[in-house]
């Protein structure tokens, strides 16, 4: 059975958002606040988070109901990361 391109786009958008989220999360987990490169890592993390947010926003436009709840959870987790990092600055 052939899938409609719309469904394929929906899945690709979701996967891009999920990947962006996971990259930001991985970077967040590796940051060491007393490390000499903390400032550089922090800047990199903020870029990753912004990129992930954009991918999530794009995916939300075409997301299924199930994907939507996962994407909204990703957004919440990213927001928590940003809050935690801002507290340690």
PDB file of N, CA and C in Angstrom:
ATOM      1  N   UNK A   1       0.832  -1.187   0.000  1.00  0.00           N
ATOM      2  CA  UNK A   1       0.000   0.000   0.000  1.00  0.00           C
ATOM      3  C   UNK A   1       0.880   1.256   0.000  1.00  0.00           C
ATOM      4  N   UNK A   2       0.568   2.160  -0.859  1.00  0.00           N
ATOM      5  CA  UNK A   2       1.365   3.379  -0.968  1.00  0.00           C
ATOM      6  C   UNK A   2       0.800   4.458  -0.050  1.00  0.00           C
ATOM      7  N   UNK A   3       1.689   5.086   0.694  1.00  0.00           N
ATOM      8  CA  UNK A   3       1.243   6.155   1.588  1.00  0.00           C
ATOM      9  C   UNK A   3       1.120   7.454   0.807  1.00  0.00           C
ATOM     10  N   UNK A   4       0.212   8.284   1.250  1.00  0.00           N
ATOM     11  CA  UNK A   4       0.078   9.597   0.634  1.00  0.00           C
ATOM     12  C   UNK A   4       1.268  10.468   1.026  1.00  0.00           C
ATOM     13  N   UNK A   5       1.712  11.331   0.120  1.00  0.00           N
ATOM     14  CA  UNK A   5       2.855  12.205   0.432  1.00  0.00           C
ATOM     15  C   UNK A   5       2.625  13.020   1.701  1.00  0.00           C
ATOM     16  N   UNK A   6       1.377  13.397   1.947  1.00  0.00           N
ATOM     17  CA  UNK A   6       1.064  14.189   3.149  1.00  0.00           C
ATOM     18  C   UNK A   6       1.484  13.438   4.408  1.00  0.00           C
ATOM     19  N   UNK A   7       1.152  12.150   4.469  1.00  0.00           N
ATOM     20  CA  UNK A   7       1.523  11.347   5.636  1.00  0.00           C
ATOM     21  C   UNK A   7       3.027  11.209   5.751  1.00  0.00           C
ATOM     22  N   UNK A   8       3.685  11.070   4.621  1.00  0.00           N
ATOM     23  CA  UNK A   8       5.147  10.969   4.615  1.00  0.00           C
ATOM     24  C   UNK A   8       5.756  12.276   5.136  1.00  0.00           C
ATOM     25  N   UNK A   9       5.231  13.401   4.674  1.00  0.00           N
ATOM     26  CA  UNK A   9       5.714  14.704   5.132  1.00  0.00           C
ATOM     27  C   UNK A   9       5.496  14.857   6.629  1.00  0.00           C
ATOM     28  N   UNK A  10       4.344  14.411   7.098  1.00  0.00           N
ATOM     29  CA  UNK A  10       4.001  14.490   8.514  1.00  0.00           C
ATOM     30  C   UNK A  10       5.025  13.710   9.334  1.00  0.00           C
ATOM     31  N   UNK A  11       5.339  12.499   8.862  1.00  0.00           N
ATOM     32  CA  UNK A  11       6.293  11.644   9.570  1.00  0.00           C
ATOM     33  C   UNK A  11       7.694  12.251   9.525  1.00  0.00           C
ATOM     34  N   UNK A  12       8.090  12.774   8.372  1.00  0.00           N
ATOM     35  CA  UNK A  12       9.426  13.381   8.249  1.00  0.00           C
ATOM     36  C   UNK A  12       9.544  14.618   9.137  1.00  0.00           C
ATOM     37  N   UNK A  13       8.496  15.414   9.183  1.00  0.00           N
ATOM     38  CA  UNK A  13       8.502  16.618  10.017  1.00  0.00           C
ATOM     39  C   UNK A  13       8.625  16.228  11.483  1.00  0.00           C
ATOM     40  N   UNK A  14       7.895  15.185  11.865  1.00  0.00           N
ATOM     41  CA  UNK A  14       7.949  14.725  13.256  1.00  0.00           C
ATOM     42  C   UNK A  14       9.340  14.196  13.581  1.00  0.00           C
ATOM     43  N   UNK A  15       9.907  13.410  12.681  1.00  0.00           N
ATOM     44  CA  UNK A  15      11.237  12.842  12.923  1.00  0.00           C
ATOM     45  C   UNK A  15      12.293  13.936  13.022  1.00  0.00           C
ATOM     46  N   UNK A  16      12.199  14.960  12.189  1.00  0.00           N
ATOM     47  CA  UNK A  16      13.152  16.080  12.250  1.00  0.00           C
ATOM     48  C   UNK A  16      13.037  16.786  13.598  1.00  0.00           C
ATOM     49  N   UNK A  17      11.806  16.981  14.049  1.00  0.00           N
ATOM     50  CA  UNK A  17      11.585  17.638  15.342  1.00  0.00           C
ATOM     51  C   UNK A  17      12.134  16.779  16.476  1.00  0.00           C
ATOM     52  N   UNK A  18      11.879  15.487  16.398  1.00  0.00           N
ATOM     53  CA  UNK A  18      12.359  14.579  17.437  1.00  0.00           C
ATOM     54  C   UNK A  18      13.883  14.554  17.471  1.00  0.00           C
ATOM     55  N   UNK A  19      14.497  14.526  16.306  1.00  0.00           N
ATOM     56  CA  UNK A  19      15.956  14.507  16.235  1.00  0.00           C
ATOM     57  C   UNK A  19      16.539  15.803  16.797  1.00  0.00           C
ATOM     58  N   UNK A  20      15.954  16.925  16.422  1.00  0.00           N
ATOM     59  CA  UNK A  20      16.427  18.213  16.935  1.00  0.00           C
ATOM     60  C   UNK A  20      16.312  18.278  18.443  1.00  0.00           C
ATOM     61  N   UNK A  21      15.197  17.775  18.955  1.00  0.00           N
ATOM     62  CA  UNK A  21      14.982  17.738  20.403  1.00  0.00           C
ATOM     63  C   UNK A  21      16.033  16.858  21.081  1.00  0.00           C
ATOM     64  N   UNK A  22      16.270  15.679  20.518  1.00  0.00           N
ATOM     65  CA  UNK A  22      17.233  14.748  21.122  1.00  0.00           C
ATOM     66  C   UNK A  22      18.649  15.299  21.096  1.00  0.00           C
ATOM     67  N   UNK A  23      19.009  16.017  20.024  1.00  0.00           N
ATOM     68  CA  UNK A  23      20.337  16.633  19.951  1.00  0.00           C
ATOM     69  C   UNK A  23      20.494  17.704  21.027  1.00  0.00           C
ATOM     70  N   UNK A  24      19.461  18.521  21.189  1.00  0.00           N
ATOM     71  CA  UNK A  24      19.504  19.567  22.217  1.00  0.00           C
ATOM     72  C   UNK A  24      19.590  18.941  23.600  1.00  0.00           C
ATOM     73  N   UNK A  25      18.818  17.884  23.815  1.00  0.00           N
ATOM     74  CA  UNK A  25      18.821  17.213  25.109  1.00  0.00           C
ATOM     75  C   UNK A  25      20.187  16.596  25.401  1.00  0.00           C
ATOM     76  N   UNK A  26      20.781  15.968  24.406  1.00  0.00           N
ATOM     77  CA  UNK A  26      22.097  15.356  24.578  1.00  0.00           C
ATOM     78  C   UNK A  26      23.151  16.388  24.922  1.00  0.00           C
ATOM     79  N   UNK A  27      23.100  17.516  24.244  1.00  0.00           N
ATOM     80  CA  UNK A  27      24.038  18.599  24.501  1.00  0.00           C
ATOM     81  C   UNK A  27      23.834  19.149  25.913  1.00  0.00           C
ATOM     82  N   UNK A  28      22.589  19.316  26.290  1.00  0.00           N
ATOM     83  CA  UNK A  28      22.260  19.809  27.622  1.00  0.00           C
ATOM     84  C   UNK A  28      22.864  18.900  28.694  1.00  0.00           C
ATOM     85  N   UNK A  29      22.762  17.602  28.487  1.00  0.00           N
ATOM     86  CA  UNK A  29      23.257  16.638  29.470  1.00  0.00           C
ATOM     87  C   UNK A  29      24.781  16.619  29.558  1.00  0.00           C
ATOM     88  N   UNK A  30      25.474  17.062  28.507  1.00  0.00           N
ATOM     89  CA  UNK A  30      26.938  17.024  28.521  1.00  0.00           C
ATOM     90  C   UNK A  30      27.572  18.309  29.035  1.00  0.00           C
ATOM     91  N   UNK A  31      26.776  19.361  29.166  1.00  0.00           N
ATOM     92  CA  UNK A  31      27.345  20.626  29.642  1.00  0.00           C
ATOM     93  C   UNK A  31      27.785  20.499  31.100  1.00  0.00           C
ATOM     94  N   UNK A  32      28.998  20.915  31.332  1.00  0.00           N
ATOM     95  CA  UNK A  32      29.530  20.943  32.701  1.00  0.00           C
ATOM     96  C   UNK A  32      29.741  22.411  33.052  1.00  0.00           C
ATOM     97  N   UNK A  33      29.036  22.870  34.066  1.00  0.00           N
ATOM     98  CA  UNK A  33      29.009  24.306  34.352  1.00  0.00           C
ATOM     99  C   UNK A  33      30.349  24.905  34.765  1.00  0.00           C
ATOM    100  N   UNK A  34      31.258  24.089  35.286  1.00  0.00           N
ATOM    101  CA  UNK A  34      32.543  24.671  35.685  1.00  0.00           C
ATOM    102  C   UNK A  34      33.637  24.410  34.648  1.00  0.00           C
ATOM    103  N   UNK A  35      33.245  23.904  33.502  1.00  0.00           N
ATOM    104  CA  UNK A  35      34.217  23.612  32.454  1.00  0.00           C
ATOM    105  C   UNK A  35      34.687  24.908  31.788  1.00  0.00           C
ATOM    106  N   UNK A  36      35.894  24.881  31.288  1.00  0.00           N
ATOM    107  CA  UNK A  36      36.481  26.066  30.648  1.00  0.00           C
ATOM    108  C   UNK A  36      35.717  26.462  29.390  1.00  0.00           C
ATOM    109  N   UNK A  37      35.103  25.485  28.734  1.00  0.00           N
ATOM    110  CA  UNK A  37      34.384  25.770  27.491  1.00  0.00           C
ATOM    111  C   UNK A  37      32.883  25.930  27.719  1.00  0.00           C
ATOM    112  N   UNK A  38      32.476  26.181  28.959  1.00  0.00           N
ATOM    113  CA  UNK A  38      31.050  26.278  29.294  1.00  0.00           C
ATOM    114  C   UNK A  38      30.331  27.319  28.437  1.00  0.00           C
ATOM    115  N   UNK A  39      30.945  28.492  28.306  1.00  0.00           N
ATOM    116  CA  UNK A  39      30.323  29.554  27.509  1.00  0.00           C
ATOM    117  C   UNK A  39      30.073  29.124  26.073  1.00  0.00           C
ATOM    118  N   UNK A  40      31.064  28.465  25.490  1.00  0.00           N
ATOM    119  CA  UNK A  40      30.937  27.969  24.118  1.00  0.00           C
ATOM    120  C   UNK A  40      29.848  26.898  24.042  1.00  0.00           C
ATOM    121  N   UNK A  41      29.847  25.984  25.009  1.00  0.00           N
ATOM    122  CA  UNK A  41      28.844  24.912  25.034  1.00  0.00           C
ATOM    123  C   UNK A  41      27.446  25.485  25.194  1.00  0.00           C
ATOM    124  N   UNK A  42      27.334  26.514  26.030  1.00  0.00           N
ATOM    125  CA  UNK A  42      26.049  27.142  26.283  1.00  0.00           C
ATOM    126  C   UNK A  42      25.500  27.783  25.006  1.00  0.00           C
ATOM    127  N   UNK A  43      26.365  28.462  24.294  1.00  0.00           N
ATOM    128  CA  UNK A  43      25.957  29.092  23.031  1.00  0.00           C
ATOM    129  C   UNK A  43      25.498  28.025  22.042  1.00  0.00           C
ATOM    130  N   UNK A  44      26.241  26.942  21.969  1.00  0.00           N
ATOM    131  CA  UNK A  44      25.899  25.834  21.079  1.00  0.00           C
ATOM    132  C   UNK A  44      24.546  25.240  21.478  1.00  0.00           C
ATOM    133  N   UNK A  45      24.332  25.070  22.768  1.00  0.00           N
ATOM    134  CA  UNK A  45      23.067  24.525  23.261  1.00  0.00           C
ATOM    135  C   UNK A  45      21.908  25.439  22.868  1.00  0.00           C
ATOM    136  N   UNK A  46      22.085  26.739  23.049  1.00  0.00           N
ATOM    137  CA  UNK A  46      21.010  27.683  22.717  1.00  0.00           C
ATOM    138  C   UNK A  46      20.669  27.615  21.230  1.00  0.00           C
ATOM    139  N   UNK A  47      21.686  27.460  20.390  1.00  0.00           N
ATOM    140  CA  UNK A  47      21.438  27.307  18.951  1.00  0.00           C
ATOM    141  C   UNK A  47      20.654  26.035  18.663  1.00  0.00           C
ATOM    142  N   UNK A  48      21.058  24.945  19.317  1.00  0.00           N
ATOM    143  CA  UNK A  48      20.366  23.660  19.124  1.00  0.00           C
ATOM    144  C   UNK A  48      18.916  23.748  19.586  1.00  0.00           C
ATOM    145  N   UNK A  49      18.706  24.392  20.723  1.00  0.00           N
ATOM    146  CA  UNK A  49      17.347  24.524  21.258  1.00  0.00           C
ATOM    147  C   UNK A  49      16.489  25.345  20.303  1.00  0.00           C
ATOM    148  N   UNK A  50      17.035  26.451  19.806  1.00  0.00           N
ATOM    149  CA  UNK A  50      16.283  27.284  18.861  1.00  0.00           C
ATOM    150  C   UNK A  50      15.938  26.510  17.592  1.00  0.00           C
ATOM    151  N   UNK A  51      16.890  25.733  17.115  1.00  0.00           N
ATOM    152  CA  UNK A  51      16.660  24.923  15.920  1.00  0.00           C
ATOM    153  C   UNK A  51      15.589  23.865  16.191  1.00  0.00           C
ATOM    154  N   UNK A  52      15.682  23.230  17.332  1.00  0.00           N
ATOM    155  CA  UNK A  52      14.697  22.208  17.702  1.00  0.00           C
ATOM    156  C   UNK A  52      13.300  22.826  17.812  1.00  0.00           C
ATOM    157  N   UNK A  53      13.215  24.003  18.423  1.00  0.00           N
ATOM    158  CA  UNK A  53      11.926  24.700  18.528  1.00  0.00           C
ATOM    159  C   UNK A  53      11.325  24.922  17.139  1.00  0.00           C
ATOM    160  N   UNK A  54      12.160  25.366  16.204  1.00  0.00           N
ATOM    161  CA  UNK A  54      11.694  25.645  14.847  1.00  0.00           C
ATOM    162  C   UNK A  54      11.180  24.364  14.182  1.00  0.00           C
ATOM    163  N   UNK A  55      11.924  23.274  14.353  1.00  0.00           N
ATOM    164  CA  UNK A  55      11.509  21.999  13.778  1.00  0.00           C
ATOM    165  C   UNK A  55      10.203  21.515  14.401  1.00  0.00           C
ATOM    166  N   UNK A  56      10.056  21.732  15.692  1.00  0.00           N
ATOM    167  CA  UNK A  56       8.823  21.334  16.378  1.00  0.00           C
ATOM    168  C   UNK A  56       7.653  22.168  15.871  1.00  0.00           C
ATOM    169  N   UNK A  57       7.856  23.482  15.735  1.00  0.00           N
ATOM    170  CA  UNK A  57       6.805  24.354  15.209  1.00  0.00           C
ATOM    171  C   UNK A  57       6.367  23.891  13.819  1.00  0.00           C
ATOM    172  N   UNK A  58       7.340  23.566  12.970  1.00  0.00           N
ATOM    173  CA  UNK A  58       7.024  23.086  11.621  1.00  0.00           C
ATOM    174  C   UNK A  58       6.229  21.788  11.677  1.00  0.00           C
ATOM    175  N   UNK A  59       6.655  20.881  12.536  1.00  0.00           N
ATOM    176  CA  UNK A  59       5.996  19.577  12.647  1.00  0.00           C
ATOM    177  C   UNK A  59       4.582  19.726  13.205  1.00  0.00           C
ATOM    178  N   UNK A  60       4.380  20.670  14.115  1.00  0.00           N
ATOM    179  CA  UNK A  60       3.047  20.871  14.705  1.00  0.00           C
ATOM    180  C   UNK A  60       2.017  21.260  13.653  1.00  0.00           C
ATOM    181  N   UNK A  61       2.461  21.903  12.590  1.00  0.00           N
ATOM    182  CA  UNK A  61       1.534  22.335  11.540  1.00  0.00           C
ATOM    183  C   UNK A  61       0.879  21.165  10.820  1.00  0.00           C
ATOM    184  N   UNK A  62       1.547  20.025  10.803  1.00  0.00           N
ATOM    185  CA  UNK A  62       1.017  18.871  10.073  1.00  0.00           C
ATOM    186  C   UNK A  62       0.848  17.630  10.957  1.00  0.00           C
ATOM    187  N   UNK A  63       1.050  17.789  12.256  1.00  0.00           N
ATOM    188  CA  UNK A  63       1.098  16.642  13.163  1.00  0.00           C
ATOM    189  C   UNK A  63      -0.262  15.977  13.353  1.00  0.00           C
ATOM    190  N   UNK A  64      -0.209  14.668  13.567  1.00  0.00           N
ATOM    191  CA  UNK A  64      -1.400  13.932  13.982  1.00  0.00           C
ATOM    192  C   UNK A  64      -1.636  14.240  15.460  1.00  0.00           C
ATOM    193  N   UNK A  65      -2.747  13.801  15.981  1.00  0.00           N
ATOM    194  CA  UNK A  65      -3.075  14.050  17.392  1.00  0.00           C
ATOM    195  C   UNK A  65      -2.008  13.465  18.324  1.00  0.00           C
ATOM    196  N   UNK A  66      -1.609  12.237  18.050  1.00  0.00           N
ATOM    197  CA  UNK A  66      -0.598  11.566  18.875  1.00  0.00           C
ATOM    198  C   UNK A  66       0.749  12.299  18.790  1.00  0.00           C
ATOM    199  N   UNK A  67       1.143  12.667  17.575  1.00  0.00           N
ATOM    200  CA  UNK A  67       2.406  13.383  17.391  1.00  0.00           C
ATOM    201  C   UNK A  67       2.352  14.734  18.099  1.00  0.00           C
ATOM    202  N   UNK A  68       1.212  15.391  18.028  1.00  0.00           N
ATOM    203  CA  UNK A  68       1.059  16.711  18.630  1.00  0.00           C
ATOM    204  C   UNK A  68       1.371  16.670  20.132  1.00  0.00           C
ATOM    205  N   UNK A  69       0.851  15.674  20.827  1.00  0.00           N
ATOM    206  CA  UNK A  69       1.099  15.611  22.275  1.00  0.00           C
ATOM    207  C   UNK A  69       2.576  15.361  22.556  1.00  0.00           C
ATOM    208  N   UNK A  70       3.223  14.551  21.736  1.00  0.00           N
ATOM    209  CA  UNK A  70       4.668  14.315  21.913  1.00  0.00           C
ATOM    210  C   UNK A  70       5.460  15.585  21.622  1.00  0.00           C
ATOM    211  N   UNK A  71       5.095  16.273  20.561  1.00  0.00           N
ATOM    212  CA  UNK A  71       5.796  17.505  20.190  1.00  0.00           C
ATOM    213  C   UNK A  71       5.639  18.560  21.284  1.00  0.00           C
ATOM    214  N   UNK A  72       4.452  18.653  21.852  1.00  0.00           N
ATOM    215  CA  UNK A  72       4.229  19.616  22.926  1.00  0.00           C
ATOM    216  C   UNK A  72       5.052  19.251  24.159  1.00  0.00           C
ATOM    217  N   UNK A  73       5.244  17.951  24.384  1.00  0.00           N
ATOM    218  CA  UNK A  73       6.101  17.508  25.494  1.00  0.00           C
ATOM    219  C   UNK A  73       7.558  17.895  25.224  1.00  0.00           C
ATOM    220  N   UNK A  74       7.992  17.747  23.960  1.00  0.00           N
ATOM    221  CA  UNK A  74       9.351  18.163  23.587  1.00  0.00           C
ATOM    222  C   UNK A  74       9.533  19.643  23.891  1.00  0.00           C
ATOM    223  N   UNK A  75       8.537  20.454  23.508  1.00  0.00           N
ATOM    224  CA  UNK A  75       8.625  21.899  23.753  1.00  0.00           C
ATOM    225  C   UNK A  75       8.764  22.188  25.243  1.00  0.00           C
ATOM    226  N   UNK A  76       7.967  21.482  26.044  1.00  0.00           N
ATOM    227  CA  UNK A  76       8.008  21.684  27.496  1.00  0.00           C
ATOM    228  C   UNK A  76       9.381  21.314  28.043  1.00  0.00           C
ATOM    229  N   UNK A  77       9.924  20.187  27.587  1.00  0.00           N
ATOM    230  CA  UNK A  77      11.243  19.750  28.040  1.00  0.00           C
ATOM    231  C   UNK A  77      12.326  20.750  27.648  1.00  0.00           C
ATOM    232  N   UNK A  78      12.239  21.282  26.437  1.00  0.00           N
ATOM    233  CA  UNK A  78      13.211  22.285  25.988  1.00  0.00           C
ATOM    234  C   UNK A  78      13.120  23.534  26.862  1.00  0.00           C
ATOM    235  N   UNK A  79      11.894  23.931  27.168  1.00  0.00           N
ATOM    236  CA  UNK A  79      11.687  25.104  28.018  1.00  0.00           C
ATOM    237  C   UNK A  79      12.307  24.879  29.397  1.00  0.00           C
ATOM    238  N   UNK A  80      12.162  23.669  29.916  1.00  0.00           N
ATOM    239  CA  UNK A  80      12.753  23.330  31.212  1.00  0.00           C
ATOM    240  C   UNK A  80      14.273  23.397  31.154  1.00  0.00           C
ATOM    241  N   UNK A  81      14.857  22.922  30.047  1.00  0.00           N
ATOM    242  CA  UNK A  81      16.310  22.981  29.862  1.00  0.00           C
ATOM    243  C   UNK A  81      16.780  24.434  29.894  1.00  0.00           C
ATOM    244  N   UNK A  82      16.088  25.277  29.132  1.00  0.00           N
ATOM    245  CA  UNK A  82      16.455  26.692  29.046  1.00  0.00           C
ATOM    246  C   UNK A  82      16.366  27.333  30.431  1.00  0.00           C
ATOM    247  N   UNK A  83      15.303  27.034  31.155  1.00  0.00           N
ATOM    248  CA  UNK A  83      15.140  27.594  32.499  1.00  0.00           C
ATOM    249  C   UNK A  83      16.272  27.156  33.416  1.00  0.00           C
ATOM    250  N   UNK A  84      16.619  25.871  33.350  1.00  0.00           N
ATOM    251  CA  UNK A  84      17.672  25.350  34.213  1.00  0.00           C
ATOM    252  C   UNK A  84      19.021  25.988  33.881  1.00  0.00           C
ATOM    253  N   UNK A  85      19.317  26.128  32.605  1.00  0.00           N
ATOM    254  CA  UNK A  85      20.583  26.733  32.177  1.00  0.00           C
ATOM    255  C   UNK A  85      20.620  28.200  32.593  1.00  0.00           C
ATOM    256  N   UNK A  86      19.514  28.906  32.451  1.00  0.00           N
ATOM    257  CA  UNK A  86      19.458  30.321  32.816  1.00  0.00           C
ATOM    258  C   UNK A  86      19.675  30.530  34.306  1.00  0.00           C
ATOM    259  N   UNK A  87      19.276  29.578  35.114  1.00  0.00           N
ATOM    260  CA  UNK A  87      19.475  29.678  36.561  1.00  0.00           C
ATOM    261  C   UNK A  87      20.943  29.536  36.951  1.00  0.00           C
ATOM    262  N   UNK A  88      21.704  28.804  36.149  1.00  0.00           N
ATOM    263  CA  UNK A  88      23.113  28.560  36.497  1.00  0.00           C
ATOM    264  C   UNK A  88      24.058  29.590  35.881  1.00  0.00           C
ATOM    265  N   UNK A  89      23.534  30.463  35.043  1.00  0.00           N
ATOM    266  CA  UNK A  89      24.393  31.469  34.392  1.00  0.00           C
ATOM    267  C   UNK A  89      24.844  32.521  35.385  1.00  0.00           C
TER     268      UNK A  89
END
